[in-house]
Amino acid sequence: MPRVYTNRRAHHEYELLERFEAGIELTGSEVKSVRAGGVDFRDAFARLNGQNVDLEGLYIPVYKEATYNNHEPRRTRRLLLHREEIGKLKRGLEQKGLTLVPTRLYQKGRYFKVEIALARGKKLHDKRRAEAEKTVRRELREL
């Protein structure tokens, strides 16, 4: 059964406006390590680099059974998107206050995909309101 890793912090910290599915360029030891588990989104973000989109700060642990040419755990990884999608992201990032945040890493068929979102940071009062709505929904469910 394929694993799905989610960035729960992104849902709390950001208002997710538009989502994109991108392929991710991984080495062999990274693929085995992702299948083994332990991916961490804590400091991950995506950056537009010319005509490419790079994912930085995603932690994929070192694969213990790999040979001497193992991967760096927090290396920059290239995301694979269509040119039109990259253009859409570029136009979105030109707006003030928007950023690219990875939200999920999952396996689709034999390939790994990353869901990235164009997001706007939440203010403190927005976080409090979201938390209050969440507790109200929980209490209504319990009744």
C-alpha atoms as a PDB file:
ATOM      1  CA  MET A   1       0.000   0.000   0.000  1.00  0.00           C
ATOM      2  CA  PRO A   2       1.519   3.340  -1.003  1.00  0.00           C
ATOM      3  CA  ARG A   3       2.417   5.801   1.715  1.00  0.00           C
ATOM      4  CA  VAL A   4       1.137   9.363   1.704  1.00  0.00           C
ATOM      5  CA  TYR A   5       3.108  11.978   3.615  1.00  0.00           C
ATOM      6  CA  THR A   6       1.231  15.184   4.399  1.00  0.00           C
ATOM      7  CA  ASN A   7       2.463  18.556   5.549  1.00  0.00           C
ATOM      8  CA  ARG A   8      -0.087  19.238   8.275  1.00  0.00           C
ATOM      9  CA  ARG A   9       1.757  22.368   9.339  1.00  0.00           C
ATOM     10  CA  ALA A  10       1.087  23.955   5.938  1.00  0.00           C
ATOM     11  CA  HIS A  11      -2.682  23.692   6.486  1.00  0.00           C
ATOM     12  CA  HIS A  12      -2.285  25.477   9.820  1.00  0.00           C
ATOM     13  CA  GLU A  13       0.177  28.181   8.765  1.00  0.00           C
ATOM     14  CA  TYR A  14      -1.104  28.995   5.262  1.00  0.00           C
ATOM     15  CA  GLU A  15      -4.302  29.598   3.340  1.00  0.00           C
ATOM     16  CA  LEU A  16      -3.889  27.243   0.368  1.00  0.00           C
ATOM     17  CA  LEU A  17      -5.179  28.934  -2.792  1.00  0.00           C
ATOM     18  CA  GLU A  18      -4.280  26.678  -5.721  1.00  0.00           C
ATOM     19  CA  ARG A  19      -2.731  23.213  -5.827  1.00  0.00           C
ATOM     20  CA  PHE A  20      -0.459  21.641  -8.433  1.00  0.00           C
ATOM     21  CA  GLU A  21       0.740  18.066  -8.862  1.00  0.00           C
ATOM     22  CA  ALA A  22       4.424  17.779  -9.754  1.00  0.00           C
ATOM     23  CA  GLY A  23       6.791  14.916 -10.303  1.00  0.00           C
ATOM     24  CA  ILE A  24       9.935  14.883  -8.200  1.00  0.00           C
ATOM     25  CA  GLU A  25      13.435  13.944  -9.313  1.00  0.00           C
ATOM     26  CA  LEU A  26      14.812  11.383  -6.819  1.00  0.00           C
ATOM     27  CA  THR A  27      17.884   9.175  -6.716  1.00  0.00           C
ATOM     28  CA  GLY A  28      17.655   5.432  -6.119  1.00  0.00           C
ATOM     29  CA  SER A  29      18.561   5.576  -2.438  1.00  0.00           C
ATOM     30  CA  GLU A  30      15.967   8.356  -1.924  1.00  0.00           C
ATOM     31  CA  VAL A  31      13.231   6.217  -3.476  1.00  0.00           C
ATOM     32  CA  LYS A  32      14.051   3.324  -1.156  1.00  0.00           C
ATOM     33  CA  SER A  33      14.227   5.655   1.824  1.00  0.00           C
ATOM     34  CA  VAL A  34      10.822   7.229   1.020  1.00  0.00           C
ATOM     35  CA  ARG A  35       9.293   3.761   0.779  1.00  0.00           C
ATOM     36  CA  ALA A  36      10.863   2.880   4.144  1.00  0.00           C
ATOM     37  CA  GLY A  37       9.381   6.020   5.768  1.00  0.00           C
ATOM     38  CA  GLY A  38      10.527   9.055   7.710  1.00  0.00           C
ATOM     39  CA  VAL A  39       9.962  11.973   5.305  1.00  0.00           C
ATOM     40  CA  ASP A  40       9.819  15.348   7.093  1.00  0.00           C
ATOM     41  CA  PHE A  41       8.310  18.554   5.649  1.00  0.00           C
ATOM     42  CA  ARG A  42       9.298  20.779   8.580  1.00  0.00           C
ATOM     43  CA  ASP A  43      11.455  23.332   6.696  1.00  0.00           C
ATOM     44  CA  ALA A  44      10.411  22.470   3.137  1.00  0.00           C
ATOM     45  CA  PHE A  45       9.504  25.092   0.563  1.00  0.00           C
ATOM     46  CA  ALA A  46       9.513  25.386  -3.219  1.00  0.00           C
ATOM     47  CA  ARG A  47      11.412  28.053  -5.138  1.00  0.00           C
ATOM     48  CA  LEU A  48      11.144  29.184  -8.746  1.00  0.00           C
ATOM     49  CA  ASN A  49      14.631  29.002 -10.274  1.00  0.00           C
ATOM     50  CA  GLY A  50      14.599  30.354 -13.832  1.00  0.00           C
ATOM     51  CA  GLN A  51      12.465  27.890 -15.801  1.00  0.00           C
ATOM     52  CA  ASN A  52      12.595  25.217 -13.075  1.00  0.00           C
ATOM     53  CA  VAL A  53      10.894  24.725  -9.739  1.00  0.00           C
ATOM     54  CA  ASP A  54      13.112  23.396  -6.947  1.00  0.00           C
ATOM     55  CA  LEU A  55      12.033  21.824  -3.664  1.00  0.00           C
ATOM     56  CA  GLU A  56      14.340  22.764  -0.813  1.00  0.00           C
ATOM     57  CA  GLY A  57      14.513  21.617   2.779  1.00  0.00           C
ATOM     58  CA  LEU A  58      12.555  18.362   2.353  1.00  0.00           C
ATOM     59  CA  TYR A  59      14.158  15.801   4.670  1.00  0.00           C
ATOM     60  CA  ILE A  60      14.494  12.277   3.282  1.00  0.00           C
ATOM     61  CA  PRO A  61      16.589  10.202   5.685  1.00  0.00           C
ATOM     62  CA  VAL A  62      19.731   8.405   4.542  1.00  0.00           C
ATOM     63  CA  TYR A  63      19.053   4.840   3.400  1.00  0.00           C
ATOM     64  CA  LYS A  64      21.107   2.561   5.627  1.00  0.00           C
ATOM     65  CA  GLU A  65      21.531  -0.278   3.123  1.00  0.00           C
ATOM     66  CA  ALA A  66      22.787   1.995   0.318  1.00  0.00           C
ATOM     67  CA  THR A  67      26.392   1.965  -0.825  1.00  0.00           C
ATOM     68  CA  TYR A  68      28.994   4.686  -0.472  1.00  0.00           C
ATOM     69  CA  ASN A  69      27.148   7.025  -2.864  1.00  0.00           C
ATOM     70  CA  ASN A  70      24.173   7.722  -0.600  1.00  0.00           C
ATOM     71  CA  HIS A  71      22.176  10.953  -0.899  1.00  0.00           C
ATOM     72  CA  GLU A  72      22.227  14.178   1.134  1.00  0.00           C
ATOM     73  CA  PRO A  73      19.121  14.239   3.386  1.00  0.00           C
ATOM     74  CA  ARG A  74      18.172  17.900   2.711  1.00  0.00           C
ATOM     75  CA  ARG A  75      19.443  18.395  -0.833  1.00  0.00           C
ATOM     76  CA  THR A  76      17.602  20.530  -3.403  1.00  0.00           C
ATOM     77  CA  ARG A  77      15.349  18.402  -5.602  1.00  0.00           C
ATOM     78  CA  ARG A  78      13.916  19.430  -8.961  1.00  0.00           C
ATOM     79  CA  LEU A  79      10.162  19.343  -9.481  1.00  0.00           C
ATOM     80  CA  LEU A  80       8.791  18.331 -12.856  1.00  0.00           C
ATOM     81  CA  LEU A  81       5.992  20.572 -14.130  1.00  0.00           C
ATOM     82  CA  HIS A  82       4.628  21.597 -17.521  1.00  0.00           C
ATOM     83  CA  ARG A  83       5.752  24.938 -18.910  1.00  0.00           C
ATOM     84  CA  GLU A  84       2.218  26.357 -18.631  1.00  0.00           C
ATOM     85  CA  GLU A  85       2.045  25.394 -14.955  1.00  0.00           C
ATOM     86  CA  ILE A  86       5.403  27.048 -14.284  1.00  0.00           C
ATOM     87  CA  GLY A  87       4.129  30.203 -15.996  1.00  0.00           C
ATOM     88  CA  LYS A  88       1.008  30.122 -13.822  1.00  0.00           C
ATOM     89  CA  LEU A  89       3.171  29.756 -10.710  1.00  0.00           C
ATOM     90  CA  LYS A  90       5.410  32.631 -11.817  1.00  0.00           C
ATOM     91  CA  ARG A  91       2.382  34.922 -12.269  1.00  0.00           C
ATOM     92  CA  GLY A  92       1.035  33.844  -8.886  1.00  0.00           C
ATOM     93  CA  LEU A  93       4.322  34.476  -7.080  1.00  0.00           C
ATOM     94  CA  GLU A  94       4.494  38.013  -8.468  1.00  0.00           C
ATOM     95  CA  GLN A  95       1.559  38.879  -6.199  1.00  0.00           C
ATOM     96  CA  LYS A  96       2.615  40.142  -2.804  1.00  0.00           C
ATOM     97  CA  GLY A  97       2.503  37.671   0.058  1.00  0.00           C
ATOM     98  CA  LEU A  98       2.204  34.412  -1.924  1.00  0.00           C
ATOM     99  CA  THR A  99       4.600  31.490  -1.607  1.00  0.00           C
ATOM    100  CA  LEU A 100       4.948  27.877  -2.760  1.00  0.00           C
ATOM    101  CA  VAL A 101       4.477  25.239  -0.076  1.00  0.00           C
ATOM    102  CA  PRO A 102       4.654  21.439  -0.488  1.00  0.00           C
ATOM    103  CA  THR A 103       1.557  19.815   1.009  1.00  0.00           C
ATOM    104  CA  ARG A 104       1.825  16.093   0.155  1.00  0.00           C
ATOM    105  CA  LEU A 105       4.283  13.483  -1.103  1.00  0.00           C
ATOM    106  CA  TYR A 106       2.747  10.296  -2.477  1.00  0.00           C
ATOM    107  CA  GLN A 107       3.251   7.482  -4.934  1.00  0.00           C
ATOM    108  CA  LYS A 108       1.130   7.419  -8.092  1.00  0.00           C
ATOM    109  CA  GLY A 109       1.732   4.260 -10.028  1.00  0.00           C
ATOM    110  CA  ARG A 110       5.483   3.791 -10.051  1.00  0.00           C
ATOM    111  CA  TYR A 111       6.277   7.500  -9.735  1.00  0.00           C
ATOM    112  CA  PHE A 112       6.467   9.794  -6.734  1.00  0.00           C
ATOM    113  CA  LYS A 113       4.479  13.019  -6.871  1.00  0.00           C
ATOM    114  CA  VAL A 114       4.551  16.166  -4.761  1.00  0.00           C
ATOM    115  CA  GLU A 115       1.520  18.361  -4.342  1.00  0.00           C
ATOM    116  CA  ILE A 116       2.563  21.996  -4.064  1.00  0.00           C
ATOM    117  CA  ALA A 117       0.221  24.839  -3.263  1.00  0.00           C
ATOM    118  CA  LEU A 118       0.256  28.532  -3.973  1.00  0.00           C
ATOM    119  CA  ALA A 119      -0.361  29.844  -0.466  1.00  0.00           C
ATOM    120  CA  ARG A 120      -0.801  33.018   1.547  1.00  0.00           C
ATOM    121  CA  GLY A 121       0.360  33.150   5.165  1.00  0.00           C
ATOM    122  CA  LYS A 122      -2.364  33.279   7.812  1.00  0.00           C
ATOM    123  CA  LYS A 123      -2.452  35.990  10.421  1.00  0.00           C
ATOM    124  CA  LEU A 124      -2.786  35.100  14.110  1.00  0.00           C
ATOM    125  CA  HIS A 125      -6.479  36.032  14.258  1.00  0.00           C
ATOM    126  CA  ASP A 126      -7.194  33.796  11.222  1.00  0.00           C
ATOM    127  CA  LYS A 127      -5.522  30.861  13.011  1.00  0.00           C
ATOM    128  CA  ARG A 128      -7.620  31.500  16.129  1.00  0.00           C
ATOM    129  CA  ARG A 129     -10.837  31.647  14.095  1.00  0.00           C
ATOM    130  CA  ALA A 130      -9.969  28.387  12.309  1.00  0.00           C
ATOM    131  CA  GLU A 131      -9.248  26.714  15.653  1.00  0.00           C
ATOM    132  CA  ALA A 132     -12.580  27.936  17.097  1.00  0.00           C
ATOM    133  CA  GLU A 133     -14.488  26.608  14.060  1.00  0.00           C
ATOM    134  CA  LYS A 134     -12.699  23.280  14.416  1.00  0.00           C
ATOM    135  CA  THR A 135     -13.734  22.912  18.086  1.00  0.00           C
ATOM    136  CA  VAL A 136     -17.360  23.841  17.255  1.00  0.00           C
ATOM    137  CA  ARG A 137     -17.474  21.177  14.524  1.00  0.00           C
ATOM    138  CA  ARG A 138     -15.967  18.624  16.942  1.00  0.00           C
ATOM    139  CA  GLU A 139     -18.577  19.435  19.605  1.00  0.00           C
ATOM    140  CA  LEU A 140     -21.432  19.165  17.104  1.00  0.00           C
ATOM    141  CA  ARG A 141     -20.139  15.784  15.957  1.00  0.00           C
ATOM    142  CA  GLU A 142     -20.111  14.518  19.533  1.00  0.00           C
ATOM    143  CA  LEU A 143     -23.806  15.401  20.032  1.00  0.00           C
END
